[in-house]
């Protein structure tokens, strides 16, 4: 399951995000999106969890939870809309 996380603190690193989600099961990848020019976090990222049930448990438990002084928003990631 691909999970979208937003309102991520600029202080949070990928390893911190991984630790938060690993409480609910196996995490295969973590990616915080960064600005190409500055390298600074854009405040959102993606988590990949191979087990859908563990992914749903993480979404339900973590959506709205406080991490690094910010309430993160956690949802199942949706595919990008096709660009014409």
PDB file of N, CA and C in Angstrom:
ATOM      1  N   UNK A   1       0.842  -1.178   0.000  1.00  0.00           N
ATOM      2  CA  UNK A   1       0.000   0.000   0.000  1.00  0.00           C
ATOM      3  C   UNK A   1       0.884   1.237   0.000  1.00  0.00           C
ATOM      4  N   UNK A   2       0.552   2.185  -0.858  1.00  0.00           N
ATOM      5  CA  UNK A   2       1.279   3.447  -0.930  1.00  0.00           C
ATOM      6  C   UNK A   2       0.508   4.479  -0.103  1.00  0.00           C
ATOM      7  N   UNK A   3       1.190   5.107   0.836  1.00  0.00           N
ATOM      8  CA  UNK A   3       0.563   6.031   1.782  1.00  0.00           C
ATOM      9  C   UNK A   3       1.144   7.422   1.600  1.00  0.00           C
ATOM     10  N   UNK A   4       0.260   8.415   1.555  1.00  0.00           N
ATOM     11  CA  UNK A   4       0.648   9.815   1.420  1.00  0.00           C
ATOM     12  C   UNK A   4       0.591  10.469   2.799  1.00  0.00           C
ATOM     13  N   UNK A   5       1.651  11.194   3.151  1.00  0.00           N
ATOM     14  CA  UNK A   5       1.731  11.879   4.439  1.00  0.00           C
ATOM     15  C   UNK A   5       2.013  13.354   4.180  1.00  0.00           C
ATOM     16  N   UNK A   6       1.174  14.233   4.733  1.00  0.00           N
ATOM     17  CA  UNK A   6       1.407  15.669   4.558  1.00  0.00           C
ATOM     18  C   UNK A   6       1.453  16.364   5.913  1.00  0.00           C
ATOM     19  N   UNK A   7       1.787  17.635   5.879  1.00  0.00           N
ATOM     20  CA  UNK A   7       1.998  18.466   7.065  1.00  0.00           C
ATOM     21  C   UNK A   7       3.151  17.917   7.912  1.00  0.00           C
ATOM     22  N   UNK A   8       4.152  17.377   7.225  1.00  0.00           N
ATOM     23  CA  UNK A   8       5.324  16.814   7.889  1.00  0.00           C
ATOM     24  C   UNK A   8       6.255  17.954   8.286  1.00  0.00           C
ATOM     25  N   UNK A   9       6.714  17.925   9.530  1.00  0.00           N
ATOM     26  CA  UNK A   9       7.643  18.940  10.024  1.00  0.00           C
ATOM     27  C   UNK A   9       8.913  18.956   9.178  1.00  0.00           C
ATOM     28  N   UNK A  10       9.442  20.147   8.940  1.00  0.00           N
ATOM     29  CA  UNK A  10      10.688  20.270   8.185  1.00  0.00           C
ATOM     30  C   UNK A  10      11.868  19.663   8.947  1.00  0.00           C
ATOM     31  N   UNK A  11      11.702  19.439  10.242  1.00  0.00           N
ATOM     32  CA  UNK A  11      12.757  18.822  11.068  1.00  0.00           C
ATOM     33  C   UNK A  11      12.762  17.301  10.952  1.00  0.00           C
ATOM     34  N   UNK A  12      11.653  16.735  10.499  1.00  0.00           N
ATOM     35  CA  UNK A  12      11.519  15.273  10.444  1.00  0.00           C
ATOM     36  C   UNK A  12      12.314  14.708   9.277  1.00  0.00           C
ATOM     37  N   UNK A  13      13.038  13.646   9.537  1.00  0.00           N
ATOM     38  CA  UNK A  13      13.832  12.964   8.511  1.00  0.00           C
ATOM     39  C   UNK A  13      13.163  11.639   8.157  1.00  0.00           C
ATOM     40  N   UNK A  14      13.609  11.049   7.064  1.00  0.00           N
ATOM     41  CA  UNK A  14      13.008   9.799   6.593  1.00  0.00           C
ATOM     42  C   UNK A  14      13.115   8.685   7.629  1.00  0.00           C
ATOM     43  N   UNK A  15      14.239   8.615   8.331  1.00  0.00           N
ATOM     44  CA  UNK A  15      14.388   7.554   9.337  1.00  0.00           C
ATOM     45  C   UNK A  15      13.390   7.725  10.488  1.00  0.00           C
ATOM     46  N   UNK A  16      13.056   8.979  10.849  1.00  0.00           N
ATOM     47  CA  UNK A  16      12.049   9.209  11.892  1.00  0.00           C
ATOM     48  C   UNK A  16      10.674   8.751  11.413  1.00  0.00           C
ATOM     49  N   UNK A  17      10.349   9.098  10.182  1.00  0.00           N
ATOM     50  CA  UNK A  17       9.058   8.720   9.610  1.00  0.00           C
ATOM     51  C   UNK A  17       8.939   7.197   9.527  1.00  0.00           C
ATOM     52  N   UNK A  18      10.029   6.545   9.150  1.00  0.00           N
ATOM     53  CA  UNK A  18      10.051   5.073   9.083  1.00  0.00           C
ATOM     54  C   UNK A  18       9.746   4.479  10.461  1.00  0.00           C
ATOM     55  N   UNK A  19      10.388   5.000  11.503  1.00  0.00           N
ATOM     56  CA  UNK A  19      10.178   4.479  12.859  1.00  0.00           C
ATOM     57  C   UNK A  19       8.714   4.595  13.282  1.00  0.00           C
ATOM     58  N   UNK A  20       8.078   5.716  12.946  1.00  0.00           N
ATOM     59  CA  UNK A  20       6.677   5.935  13.305  1.00  0.00           C
ATOM     60  C   UNK A  20       5.795   4.877  12.640  1.00  0.00           C
ATOM     61  N   UNK A  21       6.023   4.598  11.361  1.00  0.00           N
ATOM     62  CA  UNK A  21       5.175   3.660  10.624  1.00  0.00           C
ATOM     63  C   UNK A  21       5.524   2.208  10.922  1.00  0.00           C
ATOM     64  N   UNK A  22       6.766   1.913  11.292  1.00  0.00           N
ATOM     65  CA  UNK A  22       7.157   0.531  11.581  1.00  0.00           C
ATOM     66  C   UNK A  22       6.455  -0.021  12.818  1.00  0.00           C
ATOM     67  N   UNK A  23       5.871   0.827  13.626  1.00  0.00           N
ATOM     68  CA  UNK A  23       5.099   0.351  14.785  1.00  0.00           C
ATOM     69  C   UNK A  23       3.874  -0.439  14.333  1.00  0.00           C
ATOM     70  N   UNK A  24       3.493  -0.288  13.056  1.00  0.00           N
ATOM     71  CA  UNK A  24       2.297  -0.937  12.533  1.00  0.00           C
ATOM     72  C   UNK A  24       2.615  -2.069  11.564  1.00  0.00           C
ATOM     73  N   UNK A  25       3.882  -2.261  11.239  1.00  0.00           N
ATOM     74  CA  UNK A  25       4.251  -3.350  10.344  1.00  0.00           C
ATOM     75  C   UNK A  25       5.461  -3.002   9.494  1.00  0.00           C
ATOM     76  N   UNK A  26       5.703  -3.856   8.506  1.00  0.00           N
ATOM     77  CA  UNK A  26       6.860  -3.698   7.633  1.00  0.00           C
ATOM     78  C   UNK A  26       6.715  -2.470   6.733  1.00  0.00           C
ATOM     79  N   UNK A  27       7.797  -1.711   6.635  1.00  0.00           N
ATOM     80  CA  UNK A  27       7.856  -0.545   5.754  1.00  0.00           C
ATOM     81  C   UNK A  27       8.905  -0.834   4.690  1.00  0.00           C
ATOM     82  N   UNK A  28       8.502  -0.829   3.417  1.00  0.00           N
ATOM     83  CA  UNK A  28       9.466  -1.134   2.359  1.00  0.00           C
ATOM     84  C   UNK A  28      10.187   0.113   1.845  1.00  0.00           C
ATOM     85  N   UNK A  29       9.535   1.286   1.936  1.00  0.00           N
ATOM     86  CA  UNK A  29      10.246   2.506   1.524  1.00  0.00           C
ATOM     87  C   UNK A  29       9.612   3.743   2.157  1.00  0.00           C
ATOM     88  N   UNK A  30      10.459   4.772   2.317  1.00  0.00           N
ATOM     89  CA  UNK A  30      10.041   6.066   2.849  1.00  0.00           C
ATOM     90  C   UNK A  30      10.699   7.133   1.990  1.00  0.00           C
ATOM     91  N   UNK A  31       9.914   8.107   1.560  1.00  0.00           N
ATOM     92  CA  UNK A  31      10.466   9.187   0.737  1.00  0.00           C
ATOM     93  C   UNK A  31       9.819  10.504   1.137  1.00  0.00           C
ATOM     94  N   UNK A  32      10.611  11.419   1.703  1.00  0.00           N
ATOM     95  CA  UNK A  32      10.149  12.780   1.942  1.00  0.00           C
ATOM     96  C   UNK A  32      10.541  13.581   0.708  1.00  0.00           C
ATOM     97  N   UNK A  33       9.578  14.266   0.117  1.00  0.00           N
ATOM     98  CA  UNK A  33       9.824  15.024  -1.104  1.00  0.00           C
ATOM     99  C   UNK A  33      10.547  16.322  -0.767  1.00  0.00           C
ATOM    100  N   UNK A  34      11.600  16.589  -1.539  1.00  0.00           N
ATOM    101  CA  UNK A  34      12.433  17.772  -1.297  1.00  0.00           C
ATOM    102  C   UNK A  34      12.440  18.687  -2.508  1.00  0.00           C
ATOM    103  N   UNK A  35      12.618  19.974  -2.248  1.00  0.00           N
ATOM    104  CA  UNK A  35      12.759  20.968  -3.304  1.00  0.00           C
ATOM    105  C   UNK A  35      14.052  20.688  -4.063  1.00  0.00           C
ATOM    106  N   UNK A  36      13.985  20.669  -5.379  1.00  0.00           N
ATOM    107  CA  UNK A  36      15.169  20.334  -6.190  1.00  0.00           C
ATOM    108  C   UNK A  36      16.287  21.354  -6.055  1.00  0.00           C
ATOM    109  N   UNK A  37      15.945  22.618  -5.888  1.00  0.00           N
ATOM    110  CA  UNK A  37      16.972  23.656  -5.827  1.00  0.00           C
ATOM    111  C   UNK A  37      17.571  23.826  -4.439  1.00  0.00           C
ATOM    112  N   UNK A  38      16.737  23.793  -3.395  1.00  0.00           N
ATOM    113  CA  UNK A  38      17.233  24.054  -2.043  1.00  0.00           C
ATOM    114  C   UNK A  38      17.531  22.782  -1.259  1.00  0.00           C
ATOM    115  N   UNK A  39      16.923  21.660  -1.659  1.00  0.00           N
ATOM    116  CA  UNK A  39      17.097  20.415  -0.919  1.00  0.00           C
ATOM    117  C   UNK A  39      16.258  20.366   0.352  1.00  0.00           C
ATOM    118  N   UNK A  40      15.452  21.404   0.582  1.00  0.00           N
ATOM    119  CA  UNK A  40      14.618  21.471   1.777  1.00  0.00           C
ATOM    120  C   UNK A  40      13.340  20.658   1.582  1.00  0.00           C
ATOM    121  N   UNK A  41      12.879  20.053   2.657  1.00  0.00           N
ATOM    122  CA  UNK A  41      11.639  19.277   2.616  1.00  0.00           C
ATOM    123  C   UNK A  41      10.479  20.148   2.153  1.00  0.00           C
ATOM    124  N   UNK A  42       9.593  19.538   1.360  1.00  0.00           N
ATOM    125  CA  UNK A  42       8.380  20.241   0.938  1.00  0.00           C
ATOM    126  C   UNK A  42       7.229  19.991   1.912  1.00  0.00           C
ATOM    127  N   UNK A  43       7.465  19.190   2.956  1.00  0.00           N
ATOM    128  CA  UNK A  43       6.449  18.972   3.985  1.00  0.00           C
ATOM    129  C   UNK A  43       5.505  17.821   3.707  1.00  0.00           C
ATOM    130  N   UNK A  44       5.861  16.970   2.729  1.00  0.00           N
ATOM    131  CA  UNK A  44       5.042  15.779   2.480  1.00  0.00           C
ATOM    132  C   UNK A  44       5.918  14.652   1.965  1.00  0.00           C
ATOM    133  N   UNK A  45       5.361  13.450   1.993  1.00  0.00           N
ATOM    134  CA  UNK A  45       6.129  12.306   1.534  1.00  0.00           C
ATOM    135  C   UNK A  45       5.254  11.079   1.329  1.00  0.00           C
ATOM    136  N   UNK A  46       5.906   9.966   1.041  1.00  0.00           N
ATOM    137  CA  UNK A  46       5.217   8.712   0.745  1.00  0.00           C
ATOM    138  C   UNK A  46       5.857   7.576   1.520  1.00  0.00           C
ATOM    139  N   UNK A  47       5.016   6.674   1.990  1.00  0.00           N
ATOM    140  CA  UNK A  47       5.445   5.475   2.705  1.00  0.00           C
ATOM    141  C   UNK A  47       4.879   4.294   1.930  1.00  0.00           C
ATOM    142  N   UNK A  48       5.681   3.285   1.719  1.00  0.00           N
ATOM    143  CA  UNK A  48       5.202   2.060   1.061  1.00  0.00           C
ATOM    144  C   UNK A  48       5.214   0.946   2.107  1.00  0.00           C
ATOM    145  N   UNK A  49       4.031   0.335   2.310  1.00  0.00           N
ATOM    146  CA  UNK A  49       3.901  -0.803   3.222  1.00  0.00           C
ATOM    147  C   UNK A  49       3.328  -1.967   2.412  1.00  0.00           C
ATOM    148  N   UNK A  50       4.031  -3.119   2.363  1.00  0.00           N
ATOM    149  CA  UNK A  50       3.582  -4.230   1.524  1.00  0.00           C
ATOM    150  C   UNK A  50       2.252  -4.856   1.959  1.00  0.00           C
ATOM    151  N   UNK A  51       1.921  -4.806   3.242  1.00  0.00           N
ATOM    152  CA  UNK A  51       0.683  -5.410   3.743  1.00  0.00           C
ATOM    153  C   UNK A  51      -0.401  -4.333   3.857  1.00  0.00           C
ATOM    154  N   UNK A  52      -1.488  -4.472   3.072  1.00  0.00           N
ATOM    155  CA  UNK A  52      -2.562  -3.474   3.064  1.00  0.00           C
ATOM    156  C   UNK A  52      -3.220  -3.304   4.430  1.00  0.00           C
ATOM    157  N   UNK A  53      -3.382  -4.403   5.176  1.00  0.00           N
ATOM    158  CA  UNK A  53      -4.006  -4.315   6.499  1.00  0.00           C
ATOM    159  C   UNK A  53      -3.145  -3.497   7.460  1.00  0.00           C
ATOM    160  N   UNK A  54      -1.844  -3.714   7.418  1.00  0.00           N
ATOM    161  CA  UNK A  54      -0.937  -2.923   8.259  1.00  0.00           C
ATOM    162  C   UNK A  54      -0.951  -1.461   7.824  1.00  0.00           C
ATOM    163  N   UNK A  55      -1.023  -1.226   6.522  1.00  0.00           N
ATOM    164  CA  UNK A  55      -1.090   0.135   5.998  1.00  0.00           C
ATOM    165  C   UNK A  55      -2.341   0.859   6.473  1.00  0.00           C
ATOM    166  N   UNK A  56      -3.487   0.165   6.427  1.00  0.00           N
ATOM    167  CA  UNK A  56      -4.736   0.782   6.889  1.00  0.00           C
ATOM    168  C   UNK A  56      -4.687   1.067   8.387  1.00  0.00           C
ATOM    169  N   UNK A  57      -4.091   0.146   9.149  1.00  0.00           N
ATOM    170  CA  UNK A  57      -3.958   0.361  10.598  1.00  0.00           C
ATOM    171  C   UNK A  57      -3.106   1.598  10.873  1.00  0.00           C
ATOM    172  N   UNK A  58      -2.027   1.764  10.115  1.00  0.00           N
ATOM    173  CA  UNK A  58      -1.158   2.931  10.286  1.00  0.00           C
ATOM    174  C   UNK A  58      -1.906   4.207   9.929  1.00  0.00           C
ATOM    175  N   UNK A  59      -2.656   4.192   8.835  1.00  0.00           N
ATOM    176  CA  UNK A  59      -3.427   5.371   8.424  1.00  0.00           C
ATOM    177  C   UNK A  59      -4.419   5.756   9.518  1.00  0.00           C
ATOM    178  N   UNK A  60      -5.180   4.772   9.994  1.00  0.00           N
ATOM    179  CA  UNK A  60      -6.204   5.040  11.009  1.00  0.00           C
ATOM    180  C   UNK A  60      -5.603   5.566  12.309  1.00  0.00           C
ATOM    181  N   UNK A  61      -4.465   5.030  12.701  1.00  0.00           N
ATOM    182  CA  UNK A  61      -3.854   5.432  13.970  1.00  0.00           C
ATOM    183  C   UNK A  61      -3.088   6.747  13.873  1.00  0.00           C
ATOM    184  N   UNK A  62      -2.453   7.000  12.739  1.00  0.00           N
ATOM    185  CA  UNK A  62      -1.547   8.146  12.645  1.00  0.00           C
ATOM    186  C   UNK A  62      -2.165   9.413  12.062  1.00  0.00           C
ATOM    187  N   UNK A  63      -3.262   9.300  11.337  1.00  0.00           N
ATOM    188  CA  UNK A  63      -3.878  10.485  10.754  1.00  0.00           C
ATOM    189  C   UNK A  63      -4.283  11.445  11.871  1.00  0.00           C
ATOM    190  N   UNK A  64      -3.740  12.665  11.838  1.00  0.00           N
ATOM    191  CA  UNK A  64      -4.030  13.661  12.859  1.00  0.00           C
ATOM    192  C   UNK A  64      -3.139  13.585  14.080  1.00  0.00           C
ATOM    193  N   UNK A  65      -2.233  12.606  14.126  1.00  0.00           N
ATOM    194  CA  UNK A  65      -1.355  12.477  15.293  1.00  0.00           C
ATOM    195  C   UNK A  65      -0.244  13.524  15.251  1.00  0.00           C
ATOM    196  N   UNK A  66       0.239  13.883  16.420  1.00  0.00           N
ATOM    197  CA  UNK A  66       1.299  14.888  16.507  1.00  0.00           C
ATOM    198  C   UNK A  66       2.666  14.223  16.372  1.00  0.00           C
ATOM    199  N   UNK A  67       3.444  14.709  15.401  1.00  0.00           N
ATOM    200  CA  UNK A  67       4.806  14.234  15.166  1.00  0.00           C
ATOM    201  C   UNK A  67       5.680  15.469  14.971  1.00  0.00           C
ATOM    202  N   UNK A  68       6.675  15.623  15.809  1.00  0.00           N
ATOM    203  CA  UNK A  68       7.572  16.785  15.716  1.00  0.00           C
ATOM    204  C   UNK A  68       6.779  18.098  15.744  1.00  0.00           C
ATOM    205  N   UNK A  69       5.834  18.182  16.681  1.00  0.00           N
ATOM    206  CA  UNK A  69       5.045  19.395  16.932  1.00  0.00           C
ATOM    207  C   UNK A  69       4.098  19.776  15.793  1.00  0.00           C
ATOM    208  N   UNK A  70       3.772  18.833  14.913  1.00  0.00           N
ATOM    209  CA  UNK A  70       2.791  19.075  13.845  1.00  0.00           C
ATOM    210  C   UNK A  70       1.859  17.887  13.764  1.00  0.00           C
ATOM    211  N   UNK A  71       0.590  18.154  13.468  1.00  0.00           N
ATOM    212  CA  UNK A  71      -0.381  17.077  13.284  1.00  0.00           C
ATOM    213  C   UNK A  71      -0.325  16.635  11.828  1.00  0.00           C
ATOM    214  N   UNK A  72       0.194  15.433  11.609  1.00  0.00           N
ATOM    215  CA  UNK A  72       0.341  14.948  10.241  1.00  0.00           C
ATOM    216  C   UNK A  72      -0.995  14.474   9.685  1.00  0.00           C
ATOM    217  N   UNK A  73      -1.122  14.536   8.363  1.00  0.00           N
ATOM    218  CA  UNK A  73      -2.303  14.039   7.655  1.00  0.00           C
ATOM    219  C   UNK A  73      -1.856  12.804   6.883  1.00  0.00           C
ATOM    220  N   UNK A  74      -2.545  11.693   7.104  1.00  0.00           N
ATOM    221  CA  UNK A  74      -2.137  10.416   6.513  1.00  0.00           C
ATOM    222  C   UNK A  74      -3.320   9.820   5.746  1.00  0.00           C
ATOM    223  N   UNK A  75      -3.094   9.526   4.464  1.00  0.00           N
ATOM    224  CA  UNK A  75      -4.128   8.949   3.597  1.00  0.00           C
ATOM    225  C   UNK A  75      -3.499   7.933   2.657  1.00  0.00           C
ATOM    226  N   UNK A  76      -4.360   7.097   2.082  1.00  0.00           N
ATOM    227  CA  UNK A  76      -3.873   6.225   1.019  1.00  0.00           C
ATOM    228  C   UNK A  76      -3.539   7.111  -0.179  1.00  0.00           C
ATOM    229  N   UNK A  77      -2.367   6.891  -0.766  1.00  0.00           N
ATOM    230  CA  UNK A  77      -1.940   7.705  -1.916  1.00  0.00           C
ATOM    231  C   UNK A  77      -2.808   7.374  -3.122  1.00  0.00           C
ATOM    232  N   UNK A  78      -3.107   8.373  -3.890  1.00  0.00           N
ATOM    233  CA  UNK A  78      -3.877   8.219  -5.113  1.00  0.00           C
ATOM    234  C   UNK A  78      -2.955   8.434  -6.300  1.00  0.00           C
ATOM    235  N   UNK A  79      -3.195   7.728  -7.402  1.00  0.00           N
ATOM    236  CA  UNK A  79      -2.338   7.925  -8.577  1.00  0.00           C
ATOM    237  C   UNK A  79      -2.464   9.355  -9.099  1.00  0.00           C
ATOM    238  N   UNK A  80      -1.383   9.869  -9.648  1.00  0.00           N
ATOM    239  CA  UNK A  80      -1.425  11.203 -10.251  1.00  0.00           C
ATOM    240  C   UNK A  80      -2.389  11.208 -11.419  1.00  0.00           C
ATOM    241  N   UNK A  81      -3.065  12.325 -11.576  1.00  0.00           N
ATOM    242  CA  UNK A  81      -3.957  12.460 -12.720  1.00  0.00           C
ATOM    243  C   UNK A  81      -3.120  12.523 -13.991  1.00  0.00           C
ATOM    244  N   UNK A  82      -3.613  11.904 -15.034  1.00  0.00           N
ATOM    245  CA  UNK A  82      -2.903  11.957 -16.315  1.00  0.00           C
ATOM    246  C   UNK A  82      -2.881  13.386 -16.830  1.00  0.00           C
ATOM    247  N   UNK A  83      -1.737  13.824 -17.269  1.00  0.00           N
ATOM    248  CA  UNK A  83      -1.608  15.169 -17.805  1.00  0.00           C
ATOM    249  C   UNK A  83      -1.763  15.147 -19.316  1.00  0.00           C
ATOM    250  N   UNK A  84      -2.572  16.067 -19.828  1.00  0.00           N
ATOM    251  CA  UNK A  84      -2.822  16.105 -21.270  1.00  0.00           C
ATOM    252  C   UNK A  84      -1.748  16.877 -21.999  1.00  0.00           C
TER     253      UNK A  84
END
